[in-house]
């Protein structure tokens, strides 16, 4: 079932990105800034900030970096206002791509994203041109071999109020509606069930297979978008085979 899920694809892209230049810290720093602007600097009363801090720590972001990002957003060290913006477009062979960015310069970001699409045989589209192909879901990833059996995870999926659990080679992927995500995540935390990731993501209704001669070009498009500091997440509907995900 490899390649049929967003998490493994994003994990691969981030791993490559980290190995090159640790841009993930910059991206998470921007998420922290936006969370603080929206809900304040105290993670105890700002669930969005609490989630971003958890994400930062899971990516081994030093506490000094986390605290500095919070202080910047609070105005203690001066701040930059980042605005969220979403781009939609078509990759090679009509694949669907959604790019979520946080930027302090929309013109720069739009130009960079458009250039990436054009360079790799795609095109930037209008709002909602591909969004209808995706649904926003809460996803919790539990690795196999960490003391949670298949029967256990199915029971926890039901008791937590989650909607579904998919079983992959190395992990379980629990999904739920965005509005129940915090409750489901809290259930897993309170029951001490270790998870690798817990995020609300865009998941395509169906994955498509690209012609073999288009897969490399598509992967370069995704890598280029992920490498941009302004880009936070890249979602797509392409089924990537195992050899595309491993170095």
C-alpha atoms as a PDB file:
ATOM      1  CA  UNK A   1       0.000   0.000   0.000  1.00  0.00           C
ATOM      2  CA  UNK A   2       3.037   2.239  -0.111  1.00  0.00           C
ATOM      3  CA  UNK A   3       2.455   5.561  -1.804  1.00  0.00           C
ATOM      4  CA  UNK A   4      -1.306   5.538  -1.237  1.00  0.00           C
ATOM      5  CA  UNK A   5      -1.186   8.008   1.618  1.00  0.00           C
ATOM      6  CA  UNK A   6      -0.217  11.605   2.163  1.00  0.00           C
ATOM      7  CA  UNK A   7       1.831  11.028   5.335  1.00  0.00           C
ATOM      8  CA  UNK A   8       4.551   8.870   3.821  1.00  0.00           C
ATOM      9  CA  UNK A   9       4.940  11.290   0.924  1.00  0.00           C
ATOM     10  CA  UNK A  10       5.266  14.367   3.128  1.00  0.00           C
ATOM     11  CA  UNK A  11       7.564  12.542   5.542  1.00  0.00           C
ATOM     12  CA  UNK A  12       9.868  11.726   2.636  1.00  0.00           C
ATOM     13  CA  UNK A  13       9.819  15.300   1.335  1.00  0.00           C
ATOM     14  CA  UNK A  14      10.607  16.750   4.754  1.00  0.00           C
ATOM     15  CA  UNK A  15      13.421  14.274   5.353  1.00  0.00           C
ATOM     16  CA  UNK A  16      15.057  15.304   2.090  1.00  0.00           C
ATOM     17  CA  UNK A  17      14.523  18.959   2.935  1.00  0.00           C
ATOM     18  CA  UNK A  18      16.034  18.608   6.408  1.00  0.00           C
ATOM     19  CA  UNK A  19      19.084  16.810   5.055  1.00  0.00           C
ATOM     20  CA  UNK A  20      19.714  19.696   2.659  1.00  0.00           C
ATOM     21  CA  UNK A  21      19.279  22.783   4.827  1.00  0.00           C
ATOM     22  CA  UNK A  22      16.996  22.320   7.857  1.00  0.00           C
ATOM     23  CA  UNK A  23      14.343  24.595   6.340  1.00  0.00           C
ATOM     24  CA  UNK A  24      11.718  22.859   8.446  1.00  0.00           C
ATOM     25  CA  UNK A  25      12.666  25.057  11.427  1.00  0.00           C
ATOM     26  CA  UNK A  26      11.921  28.162   9.380  1.00  0.00           C
ATOM     27  CA  UNK A  27       8.569  26.765   8.305  1.00  0.00           C
ATOM     28  CA  UNK A  28       7.558  25.778  11.825  1.00  0.00           C
ATOM     29  CA  UNK A  29       8.707  29.165  13.109  1.00  0.00           C
ATOM     30  CA  UNK A  30       6.194  30.796  10.797  1.00  0.00           C
ATOM     31  CA  UNK A  31       3.450  28.461  11.999  1.00  0.00           C
ATOM     32  CA  UNK A  32       4.281  29.452  15.573  1.00  0.00           C
ATOM     33  CA  UNK A  33       4.101  33.139  14.632  1.00  0.00           C
ATOM     34  CA  UNK A  34       0.646  32.772  13.106  1.00  0.00           C
ATOM     35  CA  UNK A  35      -0.619  30.676  16.030  1.00  0.00           C
ATOM     36  CA  UNK A  36       0.565  33.298  18.534  1.00  0.00           C
ATOM     37  CA  UNK A  37      -1.011  36.127  16.534  1.00  0.00           C
ATOM     38  CA  UNK A  38      -4.341  34.308  16.497  1.00  0.00           C
ATOM     39  CA  UNK A  39      -4.475  32.970  20.044  1.00  0.00           C
ATOM     40  CA  UNK A  40      -1.723  34.456  22.197  1.00  0.00           C
ATOM     41  CA  UNK A  41       1.664  33.186  23.427  1.00  0.00           C
ATOM     42  CA  UNK A  42       0.440  30.760  26.113  1.00  0.00           C
ATOM     43  CA  UNK A  43       0.123  27.180  24.767  1.00  0.00           C
ATOM     44  CA  UNK A  44      -2.058  26.261  27.773  1.00  0.00           C
ATOM     45  CA  UNK A  45      -4.809  28.513  26.448  1.00  0.00           C
ATOM     46  CA  UNK A  46      -3.882  28.348  22.744  1.00  0.00           C
ATOM     47  CA  UNK A  47      -4.501  24.850  21.404  1.00  0.00           C
ATOM     48  CA  UNK A  48      -3.197  25.762  17.955  1.00  0.00           C
ATOM     49  CA  UNK A  49       0.115  26.920  19.411  1.00  0.00           C
ATOM     50  CA  UNK A  50       0.289  23.819  21.590  1.00  0.00           C
ATOM     51  CA  UNK A  51      -0.076  21.623  18.497  1.00  0.00           C
ATOM     52  CA  UNK A  52       2.602  23.533  16.590  1.00  0.00           C
ATOM     53  CA  UNK A  53       5.015  23.259  19.535  1.00  0.00           C
ATOM     54  CA  UNK A  54       4.406  19.501  19.621  1.00  0.00           C
ATOM     55  CA  UNK A  55       5.143  19.387  15.901  1.00  0.00           C
ATOM     56  CA  UNK A  56       8.324  21.421  16.444  1.00  0.00           C
ATOM     57  CA  UNK A  57       9.575  19.057  19.116  1.00  0.00           C
ATOM     58  CA  UNK A  58       8.793  15.994  17.010  1.00  0.00           C
ATOM     59  CA  UNK A  59      11.044  17.544  14.360  1.00  0.00           C
ATOM     60  CA  UNK A  60      13.825  18.094  16.948  1.00  0.00           C
ATOM     61  CA  UNK A  61      13.511  21.877  16.889  1.00  0.00           C
ATOM     62  CA  UNK A  62      15.525  23.262  19.858  1.00  0.00           C
ATOM     63  CA  UNK A  63      13.552  24.881  22.671  1.00  0.00           C
ATOM     64  CA  UNK A  64      15.536  28.099  22.169  1.00  0.00           C
ATOM     65  CA  UNK A  65      14.240  28.313  18.607  1.00  0.00           C
ATOM     66  CA  UNK A  66      10.684  27.641  19.747  1.00  0.00           C
ATOM     67  CA  UNK A  67      10.823  30.281  22.479  1.00  0.00           C
ATOM     68  CA  UNK A  68      12.440  32.801  20.141  1.00  0.00           C
ATOM     69  CA  UNK A  69       9.667  32.311  17.594  1.00  0.00           C
ATOM     70  CA  UNK A  70       7.027  32.847  20.274  1.00  0.00           C
ATOM     71  CA  UNK A  71       8.739  36.013  21.511  1.00  0.00           C
ATOM     72  CA  UNK A  72       9.035  37.375  17.976  1.00  0.00           C
ATOM     73  CA  UNK A  73       5.345  36.842  17.344  1.00  0.00           C
ATOM     74  CA  UNK A  74       4.529  38.448  20.716  1.00  0.00           C
ATOM     75  CA  UNK A  75       6.407  41.564  19.697  1.00  0.00           C
ATOM     76  CA  UNK A  76       9.160  41.175  22.291  1.00  0.00           C
ATOM     77  CA  UNK A  77      11.870  40.834  19.645  1.00  0.00           C
ATOM     78  CA  UNK A  78      10.167  42.609  16.771  1.00  0.00           C
ATOM     79  CA  UNK A  79       7.854  40.745  14.415  1.00  0.00           C
ATOM     80  CA  UNK A  80       6.924  40.121  10.817  1.00  0.00           C
ATOM     81  CA  UNK A  81       3.323  39.480   9.860  1.00  0.00           C
ATOM     82  CA  UNK A  82       2.848  36.311   7.848  1.00  0.00           C
ATOM     83  CA  UNK A  83      -0.318  35.878   5.822  1.00  0.00           C
ATOM     84  CA  UNK A  84      -1.710  32.475   4.838  1.00  0.00           C
ATOM     85  CA  UNK A  85      -2.333  31.918   1.147  1.00  0.00           C
ATOM     86  CA  UNK A  86      -3.317  28.835  -0.825  1.00  0.00           C
ATOM     87  CA  UNK A  87      -2.446  28.060  -4.440  1.00  0.00           C
ATOM     88  CA  UNK A  88      -4.030  25.377  -6.589  1.00  0.00           C
ATOM     89  CA  UNK A  89      -2.736  23.981  -9.828  1.00  0.00           C
ATOM     90  CA  UNK A  90      -2.086  21.096 -12.150  1.00  0.00           C
ATOM     91  CA  UNK A  91       1.113  19.101 -12.220  1.00  0.00           C
ATOM     92  CA  UNK A  92       2.328  16.853 -15.055  1.00  0.00           C
ATOM     93  CA  UNK A  93      -0.356  14.718 -16.742  1.00  0.00           C
ATOM     94  CA  UNK A  94      -3.191  16.615 -15.072  1.00  0.00           C
ATOM     95  CA  UNK A  95      -2.240  15.786 -11.477  1.00  0.00           C
ATOM     96  CA  UNK A  96      -3.785  17.966  -8.762  1.00  0.00           C
ATOM     97  CA  UNK A  97      -1.560  20.009  -6.442  1.00  0.00           C
ATOM     98  CA  UNK A  98      -2.458  22.329  -3.542  1.00  0.00           C
ATOM     99  CA  UNK A  99       0.188  24.555  -1.963  1.00  0.00           C
ATOM    100  CA  UNK A 100      -0.312  26.188   1.441  1.00  0.00           C
ATOM    101  CA  UNK A 101       2.041  29.060   2.224  1.00  0.00           C
ATOM    102  CA  UNK A 102       2.738  31.642   4.922  1.00  0.00           C
ATOM    103  CA  UNK A 103       4.320  34.753   3.467  1.00  0.00           C
ATOM    104  CA  UNK A 104       5.279  38.332   4.195  1.00  0.00           C
ATOM    105  CA  UNK A 105       5.366  39.086   0.448  1.00  0.00           C
ATOM    106  CA  UNK A 106       2.527  37.642  -1.628  1.00  0.00           C
ATOM    107  CA  UNK A 107       3.974  38.835  -4.935  1.00  0.00           C
ATOM    108  CA  UNK A 108       7.255  37.015  -4.305  1.00  0.00           C
ATOM    109  CA  UNK A 109       5.558  33.813  -3.220  1.00  0.00           C
ATOM    110  CA  UNK A 110       3.093  33.801  -6.114  1.00  0.00           C
ATOM    111  CA  UNK A 111       5.944  34.312  -8.579  1.00  0.00           C
ATOM    112  CA  UNK A 112       8.021  31.493  -7.056  1.00  0.00           C
ATOM    113  CA  UNK A 113       5.107  29.039  -6.990  1.00  0.00           C
ATOM    114  CA  UNK A 114       4.059  29.888 -10.554  1.00  0.00           C
ATOM    115  CA  UNK A 115       7.643  29.461 -11.766  1.00  0.00           C
ATOM    116  CA  UNK A 116       7.851  25.995 -10.174  1.00  0.00           C
ATOM    117  CA  UNK A 117       4.639  24.858 -11.874  1.00  0.00           C
ATOM    118  CA  UNK A 118       5.747  26.245 -15.239  1.00  0.00           C
ATOM    119  CA  UNK A 119       9.255  24.758 -14.993  1.00  0.00           C
ATOM    120  CA  UNK A 120       8.012  21.219 -14.401  1.00  0.00           C
ATOM    121  CA  UNK A 121       5.215  20.986 -16.922  1.00  0.00           C
ATOM    122  CA  UNK A 122       2.338  22.159 -14.781  1.00  0.00           C
ATOM    123  CA  UNK A 123       0.221  25.272 -14.491  1.00  0.00           C
ATOM    124  CA  UNK A 124      -1.108  27.388 -11.665  1.00  0.00           C
ATOM    125  CA  UNK A 125      -4.916  27.395 -11.635  1.00  0.00           C
ATOM    126  CA  UNK A 126      -7.725  29.442 -10.182  1.00  0.00           C
ATOM    127  CA  UNK A 127      -9.230  29.102  -6.722  1.00  0.00           C
ATOM    128  CA  UNK A 128     -11.183  25.840  -6.289  1.00  0.00           C
ATOM    129  CA  UNK A 129      -9.893  24.348  -9.555  1.00  0.00           C
ATOM    130  CA  UNK A 130      -8.715  21.204  -7.711  1.00  0.00           C
ATOM    131  CA  UNK A 131      -9.811  21.760  -4.097  1.00  0.00           C
ATOM    132  CA  UNK A 132     -12.997  19.754  -4.707  1.00  0.00           C
ATOM    133  CA  UNK A 133     -10.827  16.644  -5.127  1.00  0.00           C
ATOM    134  CA  UNK A 134      -9.611  16.861  -1.495  1.00  0.00           C
ATOM    135  CA  UNK A 135     -11.143  16.719   1.973  1.00  0.00           C
ATOM    136  CA  UNK A 136      -9.640  18.092   5.158  1.00  0.00           C
ATOM    137  CA  UNK A 137      -9.128  15.362   7.777  1.00  0.00           C
ATOM    138  CA  UNK A 138      -7.422  14.921  11.100  1.00  0.00           C
ATOM    139  CA  UNK A 139      -4.713  12.258  10.836  1.00  0.00           C
ATOM    140  CA  UNK A 140      -2.893  10.457  13.633  1.00  0.00           C
ATOM    141  CA  UNK A 141      -0.023   8.161  12.690  1.00  0.00           C
ATOM    142  CA  UNK A 142       0.869   5.305  15.046  1.00  0.00           C
ATOM    143  CA  UNK A 143       3.969   3.277  14.176  1.00  0.00           C
ATOM    144  CA  UNK A 144       3.751  -0.494  14.345  1.00  0.00           C
ATOM    145  CA  UNK A 145       5.964  -2.335  16.797  1.00  0.00           C
ATOM    146  CA  UNK A 146       5.454   0.113  19.649  1.00  0.00           C
ATOM    147  CA  UNK A 147       3.261  -2.095  21.809  1.00  0.00           C
ATOM    148  CA  UNK A 148      -0.030  -1.422  20.032  1.00  0.00           C
ATOM    149  CA  UNK A 149      -1.578  -4.430  18.303  1.00  0.00           C
ATOM    150  CA  UNK A 150      -3.972  -4.296  15.367  1.00  0.00           C
ATOM    151  CA  UNK A 151      -6.882  -5.245  17.628  1.00  0.00           C
ATOM    152  CA  UNK A 152      -5.852  -2.539  20.117  1.00  0.00           C
ATOM    153  CA  UNK A 153      -5.673   0.193  17.505  1.00  0.00           C
ATOM    154  CA  UNK A 154      -9.100  -0.722  16.136  1.00  0.00           C
ATOM    155  CA  UNK A 155     -10.574  -0.527  19.651  1.00  0.00           C
ATOM    156  CA  UNK A 156      -8.891   2.832  20.283  1.00  0.00           C
ATOM    157  CA  UNK A 157     -10.132   4.159  16.949  1.00  0.00           C
ATOM    158  CA  UNK A 158     -13.721   3.445  17.981  1.00  0.00           C
ATOM    159  CA  UNK A 159     -13.393   4.639  21.571  1.00  0.00           C
ATOM    160  CA  UNK A 160     -11.623   7.868  20.605  1.00  0.00           C
ATOM    161  CA  UNK A 161     -14.445   8.846  18.272  1.00  0.00           C
ATOM    162  CA  UNK A 162     -12.265   8.678  15.145  1.00  0.00           C
ATOM    163  CA  UNK A 163     -13.840   7.727  11.832  1.00  0.00           C
ATOM    164  CA  UNK A 164     -11.459   5.179  10.369  1.00  0.00           C
ATOM    165  CA  UNK A 165      -8.141   3.355  10.717  1.00  0.00           C
ATOM    166  CA  UNK A 166      -6.091   2.297   7.687  1.00  0.00           C
ATOM    167  CA  UNK A 167      -3.385  -0.308   8.110  1.00  0.00           C
ATOM    168  CA  UNK A 168      -0.141   0.170   6.190  1.00  0.00           C
ATOM    169  CA  UNK A 169       3.085  -1.818   6.177  1.00  0.00           C
ATOM    170  CA  UNK A 170       4.772   0.073   9.009  1.00  0.00           C
ATOM    171  CA  UNK A 171       2.060   2.138  10.678  1.00  0.00           C
ATOM    172  CA  UNK A 172      -1.621   2.752  11.354  1.00  0.00           C
ATOM    173  CA  UNK A 173      -3.304   5.876  10.016  1.00  0.00           C
ATOM    174  CA  UNK A 174      -6.291   7.014  12.098  1.00  0.00           C
ATOM    175  CA  UNK A 175      -8.531   9.628  10.499  1.00  0.00           C
ATOM    176  CA  UNK A 176     -11.267  11.846  11.879  1.00  0.00           C
ATOM    177  CA  UNK A 177     -13.224  14.987  11.111  1.00  0.00           C
ATOM    178  CA  UNK A 178     -11.307  18.249  11.765  1.00  0.00           C
ATOM    179  CA  UNK A 179     -13.827  19.290  14.422  1.00  0.00           C
ATOM    180  CA  UNK A 180     -13.174  16.136  16.460  1.00  0.00           C
ATOM    181  CA  UNK A 181      -9.389  16.130  15.964  1.00  0.00           C
ATOM    182  CA  UNK A 182      -8.504  17.727  19.322  1.00  0.00           C
ATOM    183  CA  UNK A 183     -10.674  15.218  21.221  1.00  0.00           C
ATOM    184  CA  UNK A 184      -9.225  12.236  19.344  1.00  0.00           C
ATOM    185  CA  UNK A 185      -5.661  13.462  19.848  1.00  0.00           C
ATOM    186  CA  UNK A 186      -6.332  14.043  23.563  1.00  0.00           C
ATOM    187  CA  UNK A 187      -7.673  10.488  23.856  1.00  0.00           C
ATOM    188  CA  UNK A 188      -4.457   9.049  22.402  1.00  0.00           C
ATOM    189  CA  UNK A 189      -2.341  11.238  24.700  1.00  0.00           C
ATOM    190  CA  UNK A 190      -4.326  10.352  27.833  1.00  0.00           C
ATOM    191  CA  UNK A 191      -4.147   6.642  27.019  1.00  0.00           C
ATOM    192  CA  UNK A 192      -0.397   6.929  26.418  1.00  0.00           C
ATOM    193  CA  UNK A 193      -0.581   5.627  22.864  1.00  0.00           C
ATOM    194  CA  UNK A 194       2.586   6.885  21.144  1.00  0.00           C
ATOM    195  CA  UNK A 195       2.068   8.520  17.758  1.00  0.00           C
ATOM    196  CA  UNK A 196       4.503   9.814  15.141  1.00  0.00           C
ATOM    197  CA  UNK A 197       2.348  12.577  13.692  1.00  0.00           C
ATOM    198  CA  UNK A 198      -0.921  14.283  14.549  1.00  0.00           C
ATOM    199  CA  UNK A 199      -2.081  16.919  12.095  1.00  0.00           C
ATOM    200  CA  UNK A 200      -5.051  18.170  10.140  1.00  0.00           C
ATOM    201  CA  UNK A 201      -4.263  17.663   6.462  1.00  0.00           C
ATOM    202  CA  UNK A 202      -5.847  17.716   3.034  1.00  0.00           C
ATOM    203  CA  UNK A 203      -6.414  14.184   1.760  1.00  0.00           C
ATOM    204  CA  UNK A 204      -7.414  13.425  -1.846  1.00  0.00           C
ATOM    205  CA  UNK A 205     -10.575  11.426  -2.461  1.00  0.00           C
ATOM    206  CA  UNK A 206      -8.631   9.261  -4.915  1.00  0.00           C
ATOM    207  CA  UNK A 207      -5.011   8.839  -5.963  1.00  0.00           C
ATOM    208  CA  UNK A 208      -3.999   8.642  -9.619  1.00  0.00           C
ATOM    209  CA  UNK A 209      -1.142   6.859 -11.372  1.00  0.00           C
ATOM    210  CA  UNK A 210       1.129   8.944 -13.584  1.00  0.00           C
ATOM    211  CA  UNK A 211       2.902   7.604 -16.670  1.00  0.00           C
ATOM    212  CA  UNK A 212       6.400   6.425 -15.749  1.00  0.00           C
ATOM    213  CA  UNK A 213       8.019   9.193 -17.812  1.00  0.00           C
ATOM    214  CA  UNK A 214       6.166  11.849 -15.773  1.00  0.00           C
ATOM    215  CA  UNK A 215       6.916  10.626 -12.238  1.00  0.00           C
ATOM    216  CA  UNK A 216      10.414  12.095 -12.027  1.00  0.00           C
ATOM    217  CA  UNK A 217       9.223  15.488 -13.258  1.00  0.00           C
ATOM    218  CA  UNK A 218       6.344  15.431 -10.793  1.00  0.00           C
ATOM    219  CA  UNK A 219       8.670  14.611  -7.875  1.00  0.00           C
ATOM    220  CA  UNK A 220      10.967  17.496  -8.851  1.00  0.00           C
ATOM    221  CA  UNK A 221       7.975  19.849  -8.818  1.00  0.00           C
ATOM    222  CA  UNK A 222       7.007  18.709  -5.313  1.00  0.00           C
ATOM    223  CA  UNK A 223      10.612  18.934  -4.071  1.00  0.00           C
ATOM    224  CA  UNK A 224      11.011  22.451  -5.488  1.00  0.00           C
ATOM    225  CA  UNK A 225       7.805  23.641  -3.833  1.00  0.00           C
ATOM    226  CA  UNK A 226       8.754  22.060  -0.497  1.00  0.00           C
ATOM    227  CA  UNK A 227      12.163  23.700  -0.681  1.00  0.00           C
ATOM    228  CA  UNK A 228      10.613  27.183  -0.728  1.00  0.00           C
ATOM    229  CA  UNK A 229      10.721  28.861   2.707  1.00  0.00           C
ATOM    230  CA  UNK A 230       7.249  30.351   2.195  1.00  0.00           C
ATOM    231  CA  UNK A 231       5.640  26.986   1.468  1.00  0.00           C
ATOM    232  CA  UNK A 232       4.295  25.156   4.529  1.00  0.00           C
ATOM    233  CA  UNK A 233       2.592  22.132   2.983  1.00  0.00           C
ATOM    234  CA  UNK A 234       2.164  20.595  -0.454  1.00  0.00           C
ATOM    235  CA  UNK A 235      -0.737  18.218  -1.080  1.00  0.00           C
ATOM    236  CA  UNK A 236      -1.329  16.162  -4.206  1.00  0.00           C
ATOM    237  CA  UNK A 237      -3.273  13.195  -5.544  1.00  0.00           C
ATOM    238  CA  UNK A 238      -0.456  11.183  -7.112  1.00  0.00           C
ATOM    239  CA  UNK A 239       0.250   7.604  -6.128  1.00  0.00           C
ATOM    240  CA  UNK A 240       4.023   7.478  -5.688  1.00  0.00           C
ATOM    241  CA  UNK A 241       5.622   4.034  -5.950  1.00  0.00           C
ATOM    242  CA  UNK A 242       8.169   2.909  -3.355  1.00  0.00           C
ATOM    243  CA  UNK A 243      11.172   3.657  -5.519  1.00  0.00           C
ATOM    244  CA  UNK A 244      10.121   7.303  -5.743  1.00  0.00           C
ATOM    245  CA  UNK A 245      10.122   7.629  -1.951  1.00  0.00           C
ATOM    246  CA  UNK A 246      13.499   6.178  -1.156  1.00  0.00           C
ATOM    247  CA  UNK A 247      16.941   7.541  -1.768  1.00  0.00           C
END
